Amino acid sequence: MRTSWVALAAGVVFGAGLALADMTNPAKVQNFLDVLGSWDPSLAFVMGTALVTSALGYRVARRRGAPLLAAAFMLPDRTDLDAKLVAGAALFGVGWGLGGFCPGPALAGVLQGVPQVFVFVAAMLTGMWLHDRLSARA
């Protein structure tokens, strides 16, 4: 139960950060991706901060024996690139560029009542459902 509360708190802080950085605004995200047009570099600072925080977190995790609320860390151990990863990354990028949302900011946008986000979240949930159904057949 304690783990759930910590996860909820982390999610709330993460969502608040996305909202504060205006990543729930699809126009801002699309302007960031439009490097040859009306480029808005401000989200690069958000992403840079996230990368630094993540890198520091991995350093701390590798030095510790175990996390506080679990038996072991679940760190990625694969270093290879396969077709599924490349296709998934490409699909994510195209969807992010066209819609101006990715999953985290979209969920934060639902709580803010951003109108465009509801269509995106419905499409995202449909895609997740389809993936589960098609993966089960393979």
C-alpha atoms as a PDB file:
ATOM      1  CA  MET A   1       0.000   0.000   0.000  1.00  0.00           C
ATOM      2  CA  ARG A   2       2.868   2.359   0.840  1.00  0.00           C
ATOM      3  CA  THR A   3       4.334   1.764  -2.628  1.00  0.00           C
ATOM      4  CA  SER A   4       1.068   2.860  -4.239  1.00  0.00           C
ATOM      5  CA  TRP A   5       1.074   6.151  -2.344  1.00  0.00           C
ATOM      6  CA  VAL A   6       4.677   6.842  -3.314  1.00  0.00           C
ATOM      7  CA  ALA A   7       3.876   6.032  -6.961  1.00  0.00           C
ATOM      8  CA  LEU A   8       0.836   8.318  -6.838  1.00  0.00           C
ATOM      9  CA  ALA A   9       2.892  11.152  -5.333  1.00  0.00           C
ATOM     10  CA  ALA A  10       5.609  10.699  -7.974  1.00  0.00           C
ATOM     11  CA  GLY A  11       2.967  10.742 -10.720  1.00  0.00           C
ATOM     12  CA  VAL A  12       1.376  13.911  -9.352  1.00  0.00           C
ATOM     13  CA  VAL A  13       4.760  15.670  -9.190  1.00  0.00           C
ATOM     14  CA  PHE A  14       5.582  14.463 -12.718  1.00  0.00           C
ATOM     15  CA  GLY A  15       2.210  15.615 -14.074  1.00  0.00           C
ATOM     16  CA  ALA A  16       2.522  18.980 -12.350  1.00  0.00           C
ATOM     17  CA  GLY A  17       5.956  19.423 -13.913  1.00  0.00           C
ATOM     18  CA  LEU A  18       4.581  18.630 -17.368  1.00  0.00           C
ATOM     19  CA  ALA A  19       1.752  21.111 -16.879  1.00  0.00           C
ATOM     20  CA  LEU A  20       4.122  23.772 -15.507  1.00  0.00           C
ATOM     21  CA  ALA A  21       6.433  23.299 -18.516  1.00  0.00           C
ATOM     22  CA  ASP A  22       3.363  23.710 -20.775  1.00  0.00           C
ATOM     23  CA  MET A  23       3.958  20.311 -22.376  1.00  0.00           C
ATOM     24  CA  THR A  24       0.196  19.800 -22.280  1.00  0.00           C
ATOM     25  CA  ASN A  25      -0.137  22.529 -24.915  1.00  0.00           C
ATOM     26  CA  PRO A  26       0.064  20.831 -28.328  1.00  0.00           C
ATOM     27  CA  ALA A  27       0.963  24.090 -30.097  1.00  0.00           C
ATOM     28  CA  LYS A  28       4.013  24.541 -27.860  1.00  0.00           C
ATOM     29  CA  VAL A  29       5.169  20.988 -28.533  1.00  0.00           C
ATOM     30  CA  GLN A  30       4.635  21.310 -32.284  1.00  0.00           C
ATOM     31  CA  ASN A  31       6.555  24.615 -32.309  1.00  0.00           C
ATOM     32  CA  PHE A  32       9.414  22.860 -30.523  1.00  0.00           C
ATOM     33  CA  LEU A  33       9.440  20.179 -33.225  1.00  0.00           C
ATOM     34  CA  ASP A  34       9.251  22.765 -36.065  1.00  0.00           C
ATOM     35  CA  VAL A  35      12.995  23.514 -36.227  1.00  0.00           C
ATOM     36  CA  LEU A  36      12.719  25.072 -39.708  1.00  0.00           C
ATOM     37  CA  GLY A  37       9.708  27.266 -38.894  1.00  0.00           C
ATOM     38  CA  SER A  38       8.489  28.865 -35.665  1.00  0.00           C
ATOM     39  CA  TRP A  39      10.901  26.894 -33.463  1.00  0.00           C
ATOM     40  CA  ASP A  40      10.422  27.244 -29.702  1.00  0.00           C
ATOM     41  CA  PRO A  41      13.530  25.862 -27.943  1.00  0.00           C
ATOM     42  CA  SER A  42      12.088  26.126 -24.415  1.00  0.00           C
ATOM     43  CA  LEU A  43      11.133  22.434 -24.240  1.00  0.00           C
ATOM     44  CA  ALA A  44      14.772  21.528 -24.886  1.00  0.00           C
ATOM     45  CA  PHE A  45      15.488  22.835 -21.385  1.00  0.00           C
ATOM     46  CA  VAL A  46      12.697  20.658 -19.980  1.00  0.00           C
ATOM     47  CA  MET A  47      14.086  17.600 -21.748  1.00  0.00           C
ATOM     48  CA  GLY A  48      17.662  18.441 -20.763  1.00  0.00           C
ATOM     49  CA  THR A  49      16.645  18.716 -17.129  1.00  0.00           C
ATOM     50  CA  ALA A  50      14.857  15.368 -17.381  1.00  0.00           C
ATOM     51  CA  LEU A  51      17.946  13.720 -18.886  1.00  0.00           C
ATOM     52  CA  VAL A  52      20.238  15.087 -16.158  1.00  0.00           C
ATOM     53  CA  THR A  53      17.809  13.991 -13.439  1.00  0.00           C
ATOM     54  CA  SER A  54      17.503  10.542 -14.999  1.00  0.00           C
ATOM     55  CA  ALA A  55      21.271  10.135 -15.352  1.00  0.00           C
ATOM     56  CA  LEU A  56      21.787  11.090 -11.713  1.00  0.00           C
ATOM     57  CA  GLY A  57      19.020   8.698 -10.658  1.00  0.00           C
ATOM     58  CA  TYR A  58      20.666   5.811 -12.511  1.00  0.00           C
ATOM     59  CA  ARG A  59      24.011   6.608 -10.849  1.00  0.00           C
ATOM     60  CA  VAL A  60      22.416   6.531  -7.414  1.00  0.00           C
ATOM     61  CA  ALA A  61      20.510   3.339  -8.235  1.00  0.00           C
ATOM     62  CA  ARG A  62      23.635   1.531  -9.387  1.00  0.00           C
ATOM     63  CA  ARG A  63      25.399   2.376  -6.102  1.00  0.00           C
ATOM     64  CA  ARG A  64      22.555   1.164  -3.884  1.00  0.00           C
ATOM     65  CA  GLY A  65      21.867  -2.474  -3.160  1.00  0.00           C
ATOM     66  CA  ALA A  66      18.091  -2.207  -3.463  1.00  0.00           C
ATOM     67  CA  PRO A  67      15.391   0.456  -3.633  1.00  0.00           C
ATOM     68  CA  LEU A  68      13.504   1.501  -0.525  1.00  0.00           C
ATOM     69  CA  LEU A  69      10.156  -0.004  -1.509  1.00  0.00           C
ATOM     70  CA  ALA A  70      11.071  -3.051  -3.615  1.00  0.00           C
ATOM     71  CA  ALA A  71      13.299  -6.097  -3.519  1.00  0.00           C
ATOM     72  CA  ALA A  72      15.425  -5.011  -6.485  1.00  0.00           C
ATOM     73  CA  PHE A  73      15.833  -2.268  -9.053  1.00  0.00           C
ATOM     74  CA  MET A  74      14.265  -2.928 -12.435  1.00  0.00           C
ATOM     75  CA  LEU A  75      16.865  -1.339 -14.691  1.00  0.00           C
ATOM     76  CA  PRO A  76      16.985  -1.944 -18.447  1.00  0.00           C
ATOM     77  CA  ASP A  77      19.574  -4.522 -19.396  1.00  0.00           C
ATOM     78  CA  ARG A  78      19.183  -4.724 -23.173  1.00  0.00           C
ATOM     79  CA  THR A  79      21.444  -2.648 -25.381  1.00  0.00           C
ATOM     80  CA  ASP A  80      20.437  -3.977 -28.813  1.00  0.00           C
ATOM     81  CA  LEU A  81      18.093  -2.320 -31.268  1.00  0.00           C
ATOM     82  CA  ASP A  82      15.428  -4.448 -32.887  1.00  0.00           C
ATOM     83  CA  ALA A  83      12.724  -3.747 -35.454  1.00  0.00           C
ATOM     84  CA  LYS A  84       9.980  -3.440 -32.811  1.00  0.00           C
ATOM     85  CA  LEU A  85      11.920  -0.768 -30.918  1.00  0.00           C
ATOM     86  CA  VAL A  86      12.732   1.241 -34.041  1.00  0.00           C
ATOM     87  CA  ALA A  87       9.147   0.973 -35.358  1.00  0.00           C
ATOM     88  CA  GLY A  88       7.717   1.930 -31.970  1.00  0.00           C
ATOM     89  CA  ALA A  89      10.046   4.929 -31.674  1.00  0.00           C
ATOM     90  CA  ALA A  90       9.134   6.080 -35.184  1.00  0.00           C
ATOM     91  CA  LEU A  91       5.415   5.690 -34.491  1.00  0.00           C
ATOM     92  CA  PHE A  92       5.801   7.596 -31.221  1.00  0.00           C
ATOM     93  CA  GLY A  93       7.669  10.431 -32.960  1.00  0.00           C
ATOM     94  CA  VAL A  94       5.165  10.735 -35.785  1.00  0.00           C
ATOM     95  CA  GLY A  95       2.262  10.702 -33.338  1.00  0.00           C
ATOM     96  CA  TRP A  96       3.954  13.275 -31.123  1.00  0.00           C
ATOM     97  CA  GLY A  97       4.634  15.560 -34.068  1.00  0.00           C
ATOM     98  CA  LEU A  98       1.155  15.276 -35.550  1.00  0.00           C
ATOM     99  CA  GLY A  99      -0.847  15.375 -32.333  1.00  0.00           C
ATOM    100  CA  GLY A 100       1.407  17.484 -30.138  1.00  0.00           C
ATOM    101  CA  PHE A 101       0.959  15.032 -27.259  1.00  0.00           C
ATOM    102  CA  CYS A 102       2.774  12.071 -25.827  1.00  0.00           C
ATOM    103  CA  PRO A 103       1.259   9.853 -23.108  1.00  0.00           C
ATOM    104  CA  GLY A 104       2.462  11.694 -19.986  1.00  0.00           C
ATOM    105  CA  PRO A 105       1.462  15.211 -21.022  1.00  0.00           C
ATOM    106  CA  ALA A 106      -1.784  13.840 -22.489  1.00  0.00           C
ATOM    107  CA  LEU A 107      -2.840  12.377 -19.148  1.00  0.00           C
ATOM    108  CA  ALA A 108      -1.880  15.625 -17.405  1.00  0.00           C
ATOM    109  CA  GLY A 109      -3.903  17.472 -20.063  1.00  0.00           C
ATOM    110  CA  VAL A 110      -6.987  15.368 -19.265  1.00  0.00           C
ATOM    111  CA  LEU A 111      -6.887  16.714 -15.717  1.00  0.00           C
ATOM    112  CA  GLN A 112      -6.502  20.242 -17.066  1.00  0.00           C
ATOM    113  CA  GLY A 113      -9.454  19.786 -19.412  1.00  0.00           C
ATOM    114  CA  VAL A 114      -7.466  20.466 -22.604  1.00  0.00           C
ATOM    115  CA  PRO A 115     -10.099  19.752 -25.321  1.00  0.00           C
ATOM    116  CA  GLN A 116      -7.807  18.206 -27.963  1.00  0.00           C
ATOM    117  CA  VAL A 117      -6.367  15.729 -25.497  1.00  0.00           C
ATOM    118  CA  PHE A 118      -9.511  13.659 -25.170  1.00  0.00           C
ATOM    119  CA  VAL A 119      -9.311  12.519 -28.804  1.00  0.00           C
ATOM    120  CA  PHE A 120      -5.624  11.706 -28.360  1.00  0.00           C
ATOM    121  CA  VAL A 121      -6.189   9.713 -25.163  1.00  0.00           C
ATOM    122  CA  ALA A 122      -9.043   7.781 -26.783  1.00  0.00           C
ATOM    123  CA  ALA A 123      -6.766   6.948 -29.742  1.00  0.00           C
ATOM    124  CA  MET A 124      -3.911   6.038 -27.377  1.00  0.00           C
ATOM    125  CA  LEU A 125      -6.101   3.668 -25.354  1.00  0.00           C
ATOM    126  CA  THR A 126      -7.459   2.127 -28.567  1.00  0.00           C
ATOM    127  CA  GLY A 127      -3.912   1.594 -29.814  1.00  0.00           C
ATOM    128  CA  MET A 128      -2.897  -0.028 -26.519  1.00  0.00           C
ATOM    129  CA  TRP A 129      -5.923  -2.317 -26.683  1.00  0.00           C
ATOM    130  CA  LEU A 130      -5.165  -3.270 -30.302  1.00  0.00           C
ATOM    131  CA  HIS A 131      -1.531  -3.951 -29.425  1.00  0.00           C
ATOM    132  CA  ASP A 132      -2.582  -6.283 -26.625  1.00  0.00           C
ATOM    133  CA  ARG A 133      -4.994  -8.154 -28.910  1.00  0.00           C
ATOM    134  CA  LEU A 134      -2.511  -8.467 -31.782  1.00  0.00           C
ATOM    135  CA  SER A 135       0.386  -9.426 -29.488  1.00  0.00           C
ATOM    136  CA  ALA A 136      -1.695 -12.185 -27.924  1.00  0.00           C
ATOM    137  CA  ARG A 137      -2.160 -13.761 -31.370  1.00  0.00           C
ATOM    138  CA  ALA A 138       1.568 -13.780 -32.163  1.00  0.00           C
END
